[in-house]
């Protein structure tokens, strides 16, 4: 039986929501191994002069815990 953990991260991008989600996984993978899924919990954008200038996501990252022994 595998055990999984879930962490919640916030990431941004100036390009798109998709890029913000990619950034969430990329940054999480620097300290977390065995990532198996990402769930986008929330999306938001920053608007200036009637244009979106920043995209943000709150993501839940799921990863497997390796058994010892």
PDB file of N, CA and C in Angstrom:
ATOM      1  N   UNK A   1       0.838  -1.174   0.000  1.00  0.00           N
ATOM      2  CA  UNK A   1       0.000   0.000   0.000  1.00  0.00           C
ATOM      3  C   UNK A   1       0.888   1.244   0.000  1.00  0.00           C
ATOM      4  N   UNK A   2       0.567   2.180  -0.869  1.00  0.00           N
ATOM      5  CA  UNK A   2       1.316   3.437  -0.931  1.00  0.00           C
ATOM      6  C   UNK A   2       0.662   4.486  -0.043  1.00  0.00           C
ATOM      7  N   UNK A   3       1.498   5.315   0.536  1.00  0.00           N
ATOM      8  CA  UNK A   3       1.014   6.453   1.310  1.00  0.00           C
ATOM      9  C   UNK A   3       1.353   7.704   0.516  1.00  0.00           C
ATOM     10  N   UNK A   4       0.388   8.614   0.410  1.00  0.00           N
ATOM     11  CA  UNK A   4       0.623   9.861  -0.295  1.00  0.00           C
ATOM     12  C   UNK A   4       0.417  11.035   0.659  1.00  0.00           C
ATOM     13  N   UNK A   5       1.106  12.126   0.354  1.00  0.00           N
ATOM     14  CA  UNK A   5       0.946  13.372   1.091  1.00  0.00           C
ATOM     15  C   UNK A   5       0.513  14.453   0.113  1.00  0.00           C
ATOM     16  N   UNK A   6      -0.128  15.476   0.649  1.00  0.00           N
ATOM     17  CA  UNK A   6      -0.572  16.604  -0.167  1.00  0.00           C
ATOM     18  C   UNK A   6      -0.057  17.895   0.462  1.00  0.00           C
ATOM     19  N   UNK A   7       0.549  18.736  -0.377  1.00  0.00           N
ATOM     20  CA  UNK A   7       0.950  20.067   0.071  1.00  0.00           C
ATOM     21  C   UNK A   7       0.211  21.086  -0.789  1.00  0.00           C
ATOM     22  N   UNK A   8       0.041  22.274  -0.261  1.00  0.00           N
ATOM     23  CA  UNK A   8      -0.610  23.342  -1.011  1.00  0.00           C
ATOM     24  C   UNK A   8       0.417  24.427  -1.298  1.00  0.00           C
ATOM     25  N   UNK A   9       0.497  24.815  -2.570  1.00  0.00           N
ATOM     26  CA  UNK A   9       1.458  25.840  -2.977  1.00  0.00           C
ATOM     27  C   UNK A   9       0.755  26.922  -3.793  1.00  0.00           C
ATOM     28  N   UNK A  10       1.346  28.092  -3.810  1.00  0.00           N
ATOM     29  CA  UNK A  10       0.847  29.212  -4.605  1.00  0.00           C
ATOM     30  C   UNK A  10       1.930  29.564  -5.611  1.00  0.00           C
ATOM     31  N   UNK A  11       1.533  29.725  -6.868  1.00  0.00           N
ATOM     32  CA  UNK A  11       2.505  30.058  -7.914  1.00  0.00           C
ATOM     33  C   UNK A  11       1.913  31.094  -8.861  1.00  0.00           C
ATOM     34  N   UNK A  12       2.791  31.843  -9.512  1.00  0.00           N
ATOM     35  CA  UNK A  12       2.357  32.885 -10.444  1.00  0.00           C
ATOM     36  C   UNK A  12       3.103  32.795 -11.761  1.00  0.00           C
ATOM     37  N   UNK A  13       2.566  33.515 -12.735  1.00  0.00           N
ATOM     38  CA  UNK A  13       3.195  33.612 -14.050  1.00  0.00           C
ATOM     39  C   UNK A  13       2.706  34.899 -14.715  1.00  0.00           C
ATOM     40  N   UNK A  14       3.519  35.461 -15.575  1.00  0.00           N
ATOM     41  CA  UNK A  14       3.077  36.605 -16.368  1.00  0.00           C
ATOM     42  C   UNK A  14       2.528  36.155 -17.722  1.00  0.00           C
ATOM     43  N   UNK A  15       2.579  34.823 -17.991  1.00  0.00           N
ATOM     44  CA  UNK A  15       2.154  34.299 -19.291  1.00  0.00           C
ATOM     45  C   UNK A  15       0.718  33.768 -19.297  1.00  0.00           C
ATOM     46  N   UNK A  16       0.415  32.810 -18.355  1.00  0.00           N
ATOM     47  CA  UNK A  16      -0.890  32.147 -18.392  1.00  0.00           C
ATOM     48  C   UNK A  16      -1.134  31.351 -17.115  1.00  0.00           C
ATOM     49  N   UNK A  17      -2.382  30.904 -16.953  1.00  0.00           N
ATOM     50  CA  UNK A  17      -2.706  30.033 -15.826  1.00  0.00           C
ATOM     51  C   UNK A  17      -1.966  28.700 -15.957  1.00  0.00           C
ATOM     52  N   UNK A  18      -1.872  28.204 -17.196  1.00  0.00           N
ATOM     53  CA  UNK A  18      -1.150  26.951 -17.434  1.00  0.00           C
ATOM     54  C   UNK A  18       0.313  27.078 -17.007  1.00  0.00           C
ATOM     55  N   UNK A  19       0.928  28.176 -17.334  1.00  0.00           N
ATOM     56  CA  UNK A  19       2.323  28.399 -16.958  1.00  0.00           C
ATOM     57  C   UNK A  19       2.467  28.520 -15.440  1.00  0.00           C
ATOM     58  N   UNK A  20       1.495  29.147 -14.785  1.00  0.00           N
ATOM     59  CA  UNK A  20       1.520  29.246 -13.322  1.00  0.00           C
ATOM     60  C   UNK A  20       1.438  27.850 -12.697  1.00  0.00           C
ATOM     61  N   UNK A  21       0.589  26.980 -13.260  1.00  0.00           N
ATOM     62  CA  UNK A  21       0.484  25.608 -12.756  1.00  0.00           C
ATOM     63  C   UNK A  21       1.795  24.856 -12.968  1.00  0.00           C
ATOM     64  N   UNK A  22       2.416  25.047 -14.131  1.00  0.00           N
ATOM     65  CA  UNK A  22       3.719  24.423 -14.405  1.00  0.00           C
ATOM     66  C   UNK A  22       4.760  24.907 -13.398  1.00  0.00           C
ATOM     67  N   UNK A  23       4.720  26.192 -13.085  1.00  0.00           N
ATOM     68  CA  UNK A  23       5.658  26.746 -12.109  1.00  0.00           C
ATOM     69  C   UNK A  23       5.448  26.148 -10.721  1.00  0.00           C
ATOM     70  N   UNK A  24       4.208  25.886 -10.358  1.00  0.00           N
ATOM     71  CA  UNK A  24       3.911  25.276  -9.058  1.00  0.00           C
ATOM     72  C   UNK A  24       4.579  23.911  -8.951  1.00  0.00           C
ATOM     73  N   UNK A  25       4.424  23.095  -9.987  1.00  0.00           N
ATOM     74  CA  UNK A  25       5.019  21.753  -9.981  1.00  0.00           C
ATOM     75  C   UNK A  25       6.544  21.843 -10.046  1.00  0.00           C
ATOM     76  N   UNK A  26       7.057  22.731 -10.882  1.00  0.00           N
ATOM     77  CA  UNK A  26       8.506  22.878 -11.033  1.00  0.00           C
ATOM     78  C   UNK A  26       9.165  23.276  -9.714  1.00  0.00           C
ATOM     79  N   UNK A  27       8.598  24.243  -9.027  1.00  0.00           N
ATOM     80  CA  UNK A  27       9.169  24.698  -7.761  1.00  0.00           C
ATOM     81  C   UNK A  27       9.023  23.645  -6.667  1.00  0.00           C
ATOM     82  N   UNK A  28       7.858  22.988  -6.603  1.00  0.00           N
ATOM     83  CA  UNK A  28       7.652  21.945  -5.595  1.00  0.00           C
ATOM     84  C   UNK A  28       8.634  20.796  -5.798  1.00  0.00           C
ATOM     85  N   UNK A  29       8.937  20.481  -7.056  1.00  0.00           N
ATOM     86  CA  UNK A  29       9.826  19.346  -7.343  1.00  0.00           C
ATOM     87  C   UNK A  29      11.266  19.588  -6.893  1.00  0.00           C
ATOM     88  N   UNK A  30      11.597  20.831  -6.548  1.00  0.00           N
ATOM     89  CA  UNK A  30      12.941  21.114  -6.048  1.00  0.00           C
ATOM     90  C   UNK A  30      13.149  20.560  -4.642  1.00  0.00           C
ATOM     91  N   UNK A  31      12.060  20.398  -3.893  1.00  0.00           N
ATOM     92  CA  UNK A  31      12.192  19.883  -2.523  1.00  0.00           C
ATOM     93  C   UNK A  31      11.338  18.651  -2.255  1.00  0.00           C
ATOM     94  N   UNK A  32      10.473  18.296  -3.183  1.00  0.00           N
ATOM     95  CA  UNK A  32       9.583  17.140  -3.005  1.00  0.00           C
ATOM     96  C   UNK A  32       9.810  16.173  -4.165  1.00  0.00           C
ATOM     97  N   UNK A  33       9.971  14.908  -3.847  1.00  0.00           N
ATOM     98  CA  UNK A  33      10.168  13.889  -4.879  1.00  0.00           C
ATOM     99  C   UNK A  33       8.897  13.046  -5.041  1.00  0.00           C
ATOM    100  N   UNK A  34       8.803  12.324  -6.123  1.00  0.00           N
ATOM    101  CA  UNK A  34       7.702  11.397  -6.409  1.00  0.00           C
ATOM    102  C   UNK A  34       6.350  12.087  -6.529  1.00  0.00           C
ATOM    103  N   UNK A  35       6.304  13.258  -7.179  1.00  0.00           N
ATOM    104  CA  UNK A  35       5.032  13.943  -7.406  1.00  0.00           C
ATOM    105  C   UNK A  35       4.205  13.121  -8.388  1.00  0.00           C
ATOM    106  N   UNK A  36       2.930  12.909  -8.030  1.00  0.00           N
ATOM    107  CA  UNK A  36       2.065  12.096  -8.889  1.00  0.00           C
ATOM    108  C   UNK A  36       0.886  12.868  -9.471  1.00  0.00           C
ATOM    109  N   UNK A  37       0.500  14.010  -8.855  1.00  0.00           N
ATOM    110  CA  UNK A  37      -0.608  14.767  -9.422  1.00  0.00           C
ATOM    111  C   UNK A  37      -0.624  16.197  -8.900  1.00  0.00           C
ATOM    112  N   UNK A  38      -1.353  17.026  -9.624  1.00  0.00           N
ATOM    113  CA  UNK A  38      -1.566  18.411  -9.205  1.00  0.00           C
ATOM    114  C   UNK A  38      -3.049  18.719  -9.388  1.00  0.00           C
ATOM    115  N   UNK A  39      -3.640  19.374  -8.395  1.00  0.00           N
ATOM    116  CA  UNK A  39      -5.036  19.793  -8.433  1.00  0.00           C
ATOM    117  C   UNK A  39      -5.050  21.305  -8.275  1.00  0.00           C
ATOM    118  N   UNK A  40      -5.621  21.999  -9.247  1.00  0.00           N
ATOM    119  CA  UNK A  40      -5.700  23.457  -9.163  1.00  0.00           C
ATOM    120  C   UNK A  40      -6.947  23.815  -8.374  1.00  0.00           C
ATOM    121  N   UNK A  41      -6.708  24.316  -7.184  1.00  0.00           N
ATOM    122  CA  UNK A  41      -7.786  24.644  -6.252  1.00  0.00           C
ATOM    123  C   UNK A  41      -8.408  26.001  -6.565  1.00  0.00           C
ATOM    124  N   UNK A  42      -7.578  26.951  -6.977  1.00  0.00           N
ATOM    125  CA  UNK A  42      -8.060  28.313  -7.190  1.00  0.00           C
ATOM    126  C   UNK A  42      -7.203  28.997  -8.243  1.00  0.00           C
ATOM    127  N   UNK A  43      -7.820  29.899  -8.997  1.00  0.00           N
ATOM    128  CA  UNK A  43      -7.108  30.684  -9.993  1.00  0.00           C
ATOM    129  C   UNK A  43      -7.468  32.154  -9.789  1.00  0.00           C
ATOM    130  N   UNK A  44      -6.487  33.034 -10.009  1.00  0.00           N
ATOM    131  CA  UNK A  44      -6.764  34.462  -9.899  1.00  0.00           C
ATOM    132  C   UNK A  44      -5.825  35.226 -10.818  1.00  0.00           C
ATOM    133  N   UNK A  45      -6.186  36.455 -11.081  1.00  0.00           N
ATOM    134  CA  UNK A  45      -5.360  37.277 -11.944  1.00  0.00           C
ATOM    135  C   UNK A  45      -5.261  38.696 -11.414  1.00  0.00           C
ATOM    136  N   UNK A  46      -4.142  39.320 -11.712  1.00  0.00           N
ATOM    137  CA  UNK A  46      -3.937  40.723 -11.349  1.00  0.00           C
ATOM    138  C   UNK A  46      -4.155  41.559 -12.609  1.00  0.00           C
ATOM    139  N   UNK A  47      -4.971  42.600 -12.479  1.00  0.00           N
ATOM    140  CA  UNK A  47      -5.321  43.429 -13.628  1.00  0.00           C
ATOM    141  C   UNK A  47      -4.778  44.838 -13.446  1.00  0.00           C
ATOM    142  N   UNK A  48      -4.170  45.356 -14.500  1.00  0.00           N
ATOM    143  CA  UNK A  48      -3.714  46.743 -14.550  1.00  0.00           C
ATOM    144  C   UNK A  48      -4.091  47.323 -15.907  1.00  0.00           C
ATOM    145  N   UNK A  49      -4.650  48.511 -15.913  1.00  0.00           N
ATOM    146  CA  UNK A  49      -5.050  49.173 -17.162  1.00  0.00           C
ATOM    147  C   UNK A  49      -5.909  48.273 -18.048  1.00  0.00           C
ATOM    148  N   UNK A  50      -6.867  47.588 -17.428  1.00  0.00           N
ATOM    149  CA  UNK A  50      -7.825  46.723 -18.136  1.00  0.00           C
ATOM    150  C   UNK A  50      -7.192  45.522 -18.834  1.00  0.00           C
ATOM    151  N   UNK A  51      -6.025  45.095 -18.358  1.00  0.00           N
ATOM    152  CA  UNK A  51      -5.374  43.913 -18.937  1.00  0.00           C
ATOM    153  C   UNK A  51      -4.804  43.059 -17.809  1.00  0.00           C
ATOM    154  N   UNK A  52      -4.853  41.749 -18.001  1.00  0.00           N
ATOM    155  CA  UNK A  52      -4.278  40.837 -17.016  1.00  0.00           C
ATOM    156  C   UNK A  52      -2.761  40.903 -17.132  1.00  0.00           C
ATOM    157  N   UNK A  53      -2.104  41.178 -15.999  1.00  0.00           N
ATOM    158  CA  UNK A  53      -0.641  41.287 -16.001  1.00  0.00           C
ATOM    159  C   UNK A  53       0.028  40.149 -15.236  1.00  0.00           C
ATOM    160  N   UNK A  54      -0.759  39.404 -14.455  1.00  0.00           N
ATOM    161  CA  UNK A  54      -0.201  38.287 -13.698  1.00  0.00           C
ATOM    162  C   UNK A  54      -1.289  37.252 -13.437  1.00  0.00           C
ATOM    163  N   UNK A  55      -0.930  35.993 -13.618  1.00  0.00           N
ATOM    164  CA  UNK A  55      -1.836  34.870 -13.389  1.00  0.00           C
ATOM    165  C   UNK A  55      -1.356  34.110 -12.164  1.00  0.00           C
ATOM    166  N   UNK A  56      -2.284  33.711 -11.310  1.00  0.00           N
ATOM    167  CA  UNK A  56      -1.908  32.976 -10.111  1.00  0.00           C
ATOM    168  C   UNK A  56      -2.759  31.746  -9.901  1.00  0.00           C
ATOM    169  N   UNK A  57      -2.166  30.719  -9.309  1.00  0.00           N
ATOM    170  CA  UNK A  57      -2.904  29.502  -8.959  1.00  0.00           C
ATOM    171  C   UNK A  57      -2.549  29.072  -7.538  1.00  0.00           C
ATOM    172  N   UNK A  58      -3.521  28.484  -6.898  1.00  0.00           N
ATOM    173  CA  UNK A  58      -3.292  27.764  -5.655  1.00  0.00           C
ATOM    174  C   UNK A  58      -3.432  26.302  -6.031  1.00  0.00           C
ATOM    175  N   UNK A  59      -2.378  25.539  -5.824  1.00  0.00           N
ATOM    176  CA  UNK A  59      -2.342  24.151  -6.292  1.00  0.00           C
ATOM    177  C   UNK A  59      -2.087  23.191  -5.139  1.00  0.00           C
ATOM    178  N   UNK A  60      -2.747  22.036  -5.205  1.00  0.00           N
ATOM    179  CA  UNK A  60      -2.467  20.958  -4.270  1.00  0.00           C
ATOM    180  C   UNK A  60      -1.610  19.937  -5.008  1.00  0.00           C
ATOM    181  N   UNK A  61      -0.424  19.697  -4.487  1.00  0.00           N
ATOM    182  CA  UNK A  61       0.541  18.765  -5.082  1.00  0.00           C
ATOM    183  C   UNK A  61       0.522  17.474  -4.277  1.00  0.00           C
ATOM    184  N   UNK A  62       0.292  16.360  -4.950  1.00  0.00           N
ATOM    185  CA  UNK A  62       0.272  15.054  -4.297  1.00  0.00           C
ATOM    186  C   UNK A  62       1.529  14.289  -4.651  1.00  0.00           C
ATOM    187  N   UNK A  63       2.145  13.683  -3.607  1.00  0.00           N
ATOM    188  CA  UNK A  63       3.361  12.917  -3.859  1.00  0.00           C
ATOM    189  C   UNK A  63       3.381  11.667  -2.981  1.00  0.00           C
ATOM    190  N   UNK A  64       4.044  10.627  -3.503  1.00  0.00           N
ATOM    191  CA  UNK A  64       4.158   9.360  -2.779  1.00  0.00           C
ATOM    192  C   UNK A  64       5.271   9.427  -1.743  1.00  0.00           C
ATOM    193  N   UNK A  65       5.023   8.791  -0.612  1.00  0.00           N
ATOM    194  CA  UNK A  65       6.049   8.630   0.422  1.00  0.00           C
ATOM    195  C   UNK A  65       6.691   7.273   0.206  1.00  0.00           C
ATOM    196  N   UNK A  66       8.002   7.243   0.120  1.00  0.00           N
ATOM    197  CA  UNK A  66       8.699   5.970  -0.069  1.00  0.00           C
ATOM    198  C   UNK A  66       8.768   5.229   1.260  1.00  0.00           C
ATOM    199  N   UNK A  67       8.463   3.962   1.184  1.00  0.00           N
ATOM    200  CA  UNK A  67       8.583   3.123   2.379  1.00  0.00           C
ATOM    201  C   UNK A  67      10.049   2.835   2.650  1.00  0.00           C
ATOM    202  N   UNK A  68      10.412   2.834   3.920  1.00  0.00           N
ATOM    203  CA  UNK A  68      11.764   2.466   4.290  1.00  0.00           C
ATOM    204  C   UNK A  68      11.798   0.989   4.616  1.00  0.00           C
ATOM    205  N   UNK A  69      12.920   0.368   4.328  1.00  0.00           N
ATOM    206  CA  UNK A  69      13.069  -1.043   4.686  1.00  0.00           C
ATOM    207  C   UNK A  69      12.832  -1.905   3.569  1.00  0.00           C
TER     208      UNK A  69
END
